[in-house]
Amino acid sequence: MKVQIFTGFTEAGLSRKINKFIDNTSVEVVDIKFSTSFFYIGAIVIYKKIKSVQE
């Protein structure tokens, strides 16, 4: 398993970044953890790489 960390100043910005990552990579999302602070919203996406048929 691997992780990718994202941050954003708004929920919309954070969602856009996470969706772009999921759409543009061959991954199976295991879990997403959220955290907020006064200045930003953060998320850790826990994922597995999907093996292609050729691998």
N, C-alpha and C. Protein backbone atom coordinates (compact mmCIF):
# COMPACT_ATOMS: atom_id res chain seq x y z
N MET A 1 0.83 -1.18 0.00
CA MET A 1 0.00 0.00 0.00
C MET A 1 0.87 1.24 0.00
N LYS A 2 0.31 2.30 -0.54
CA LYS A 2 1.00 3.58 -0.61
C LYS A 2 0.05 4.67 -0.16
N VAL A 3 0.61 5.86 0.08
CA VAL A 3 -0.22 7.01 0.46
C VAL A 3 0.14 8.21 -0.40
N GLN A 4 -0.84 9.08 -0.57
CA GLN A 4 -0.64 10.36 -1.25
C GLN A 4 -1.31 11.41 -0.38
N ILE A 5 -0.61 12.49 -0.08
CA ILE A 5 -1.13 13.54 0.77
C ILE A 5 -1.56 14.73 -0.08
N PHE A 6 -2.74 15.26 0.22
CA PHE A 6 -3.28 16.42 -0.48
C PHE A 6 -3.67 17.48 0.53
N THR A 7 -3.53 18.75 0.14
CA THR A 7 -4.01 19.87 0.96
C THR A 7 -4.72 20.86 0.07
N GLY A 8 -5.64 21.61 0.67
CA GLY A 8 -6.36 22.64 -0.06
C GLY A 8 -6.92 23.65 0.92
N PHE A 9 -7.24 24.81 0.40
CA PHE A 9 -7.82 25.86 1.23
C PHE A 9 -9.33 25.75 1.30
N THR A 10 -9.94 25.04 0.33
CA THR A 10 -11.39 24.85 0.31
C THR A 10 -11.70 23.37 0.07
N GLU A 11 -12.92 22.97 0.41
CA GLU A 11 -13.34 21.60 0.14
C GLU A 11 -13.35 21.32 -1.36
N ALA A 12 -13.79 22.28 -2.14
CA ALA A 12 -13.84 22.10 -3.59
C ALA A 12 -12.44 21.90 -4.17
N GLY A 13 -11.49 22.68 -3.70
CA GLY A 13 -10.11 22.54 -4.19
C GLY A 13 -9.51 21.20 -3.82
N LEU A 14 -9.76 20.76 -2.60
CA LEU A 14 -9.24 19.46 -2.17
C LEU A 14 -9.90 18.33 -2.95
N SER A 15 -11.20 18.41 -3.14
CA SER A 15 -11.91 17.38 -3.91
C SER A 15 -11.39 17.30 -5.34
N ARG A 16 -11.14 18.45 -5.94
CA ARG A 16 -10.63 18.49 -7.31
C ARG A 16 -9.28 17.78 -7.40
N LYS A 17 -8.39 18.04 -6.46
CA LYS A 17 -7.06 17.41 -6.46
C LYS A 17 -7.15 15.90 -6.28
N ILE A 18 -7.99 15.46 -5.35
CA ILE A 18 -8.13 14.03 -5.11
C ILE A 18 -8.75 13.34 -6.32
N ASN A 19 -9.81 13.92 -6.89
CA ASN A 19 -10.45 13.32 -8.06
C ASN A 19 -9.51 13.25 -9.25
N LYS A 20 -8.70 14.26 -9.44
CA LYS A 20 -7.73 14.26 -10.54
C LYS A 20 -6.73 13.13 -10.35
N PHE A 21 -6.25 12.92 -9.13
CA PHE A 21 -5.31 11.84 -8.84
C PHE A 21 -5.95 10.48 -9.13
N ILE A 22 -7.19 10.30 -8.66
CA ILE A 22 -7.86 9.01 -8.85
C ILE A 22 -8.16 8.76 -10.33
N ASP A 23 -8.58 9.79 -11.05
CA ASP A 23 -8.92 9.63 -12.48
C ASP A 23 -7.70 9.39 -13.35
N ASN A 24 -6.55 9.96 -12.98
CA ASN A 24 -5.37 9.90 -13.85
C ASN A 24 -4.37 8.80 -13.49
N THR A 25 -4.69 7.98 -12.52
CA THR A 25 -3.78 6.90 -12.14
C THR A 25 -4.54 5.60 -12.02
N SER A 26 -3.82 4.51 -12.12
CA SER A 26 -4.43 3.18 -11.99
C SER A 26 -4.28 2.74 -10.54
N VAL A 27 -5.22 3.19 -9.71
CA VAL A 27 -5.15 2.87 -8.29
C VAL A 27 -6.49 2.37 -7.79
N GLU A 28 -6.42 1.58 -6.74
CA GLU A 28 -7.60 1.16 -5.98
C GLU A 28 -7.52 1.87 -4.64
N VAL A 29 -8.46 2.75 -4.38
CA VAL A 29 -8.45 3.50 -3.12
C VAL A 29 -8.89 2.58 -2.00
N VAL A 30 -8.07 2.50 -0.96
CA VAL A 30 -8.36 1.69 0.21
C VAL A 30 -9.11 2.52 1.25
N ASP A 31 -8.65 3.76 1.47
CA ASP A 31 -9.26 4.64 2.47
C ASP A 31 -8.83 6.08 2.22
N ILE A 32 -9.62 7.01 2.72
CA ILE A 32 -9.26 8.42 2.68
C ILE A 32 -9.48 8.98 4.08
N LYS A 33 -8.46 9.61 4.63
CA LYS A 33 -8.52 10.22 5.96
C LYS A 33 -8.45 11.73 5.80
N PHE A 34 -9.35 12.44 6.49
CA PHE A 34 -9.40 13.90 6.41
C PHE A 34 -8.94 14.53 7.71
N SER A 35 -8.40 15.73 7.59
CA SER A 35 -8.01 16.52 8.74
C SER A 35 -8.19 17.99 8.39
N THR A 36 -8.57 18.79 9.37
CA THR A 36 -8.74 20.22 9.13
C THR A 36 -7.93 21.02 10.14
N SER A 37 -7.54 22.19 9.73
CA SER A 37 -6.90 23.14 10.63
C SER A 37 -7.51 24.50 10.35
N PHE A 38 -7.02 25.48 10.98
CA PHE A 38 -7.54 26.83 10.79
C PHE A 38 -7.29 27.34 9.37
N PHE A 39 -6.19 26.91 8.75
CA PHE A 39 -5.79 27.45 7.45
C PHE A 39 -6.08 26.56 6.25
N TYR A 40 -6.20 25.26 6.45
CA TYR A 40 -6.35 24.38 5.30
C TYR A 40 -7.08 23.09 5.67
N ILE A 41 -7.42 22.32 4.63
CA ILE A 41 -8.01 20.99 4.78
C ILE A 41 -7.01 20.01 4.18
N GLY A 42 -6.77 18.91 4.85
CA GLY A 42 -5.82 17.93 4.35
C GLY A 42 -6.47 16.57 4.23
N ALA A 43 -5.93 15.75 3.37
CA ALA A 43 -6.42 14.38 3.21
C ALA A 43 -5.25 13.47 2.85
N ILE A 44 -5.32 12.27 3.36
CA ILE A 44 -4.36 11.23 2.99
C ILE A 44 -5.16 10.15 2.27
N VAL A 45 -4.77 9.86 1.04
CA VAL A 45 -5.40 8.79 0.28
C VAL A 45 -4.51 7.56 0.39
N ILE A 46 -5.07 6.51 0.93
CA ILE A 46 -4.36 5.24 1.04
C ILE A 46 -4.82 4.39 -0.14
N TYR A 47 -3.86 3.89 -0.91
CA TYR A 47 -4.23 3.20 -2.15
C TYR A 47 -3.30 2.05 -2.47
N LYS A 48 -3.75 1.21 -3.40
CA LYS A 48 -2.94 0.13 -3.96
C LYS A 48 -2.84 0.38 -5.45
N LYS A 49 -1.69 0.12 -6.01
CA LYS A 49 -1.53 0.19 -7.47
C LYS A 49 -2.26 -0.99 -8.09
N ILE A 50 -2.97 -0.72 -9.18
CA ILE A 50 -3.64 -1.79 -9.93
C ILE A 50 -2.66 -2.29 -10.98
N LYS A 51 -2.41 -3.57 -10.96
CA LYS A 51 -1.50 -4.14 -11.95
C LYS A 51 -2.21 -4.27 -13.28
N SER A 52 -1.52 -3.89 -14.35
CA SER A 52 -2.11 -4.02 -15.67
C SER A 52 -2.04 -5.47 -16.12
N VAL A 53 -2.75 -5.79 -17.16
CA VAL A 53 -2.79 -7.16 -17.69
C VAL A 53 -1.40 -7.58 -18.18
N GLN A 54 -0.59 -6.62 -18.65
CA GLN A 54 0.72 -6.94 -19.20
C GLN A 54 1.75 -7.22 -18.11
N GLU A 55 1.51 -6.82 -16.88
CA GLU A 55 2.51 -7.01 -15.80
C GLU A 55 2.48 -8.43 -15.28
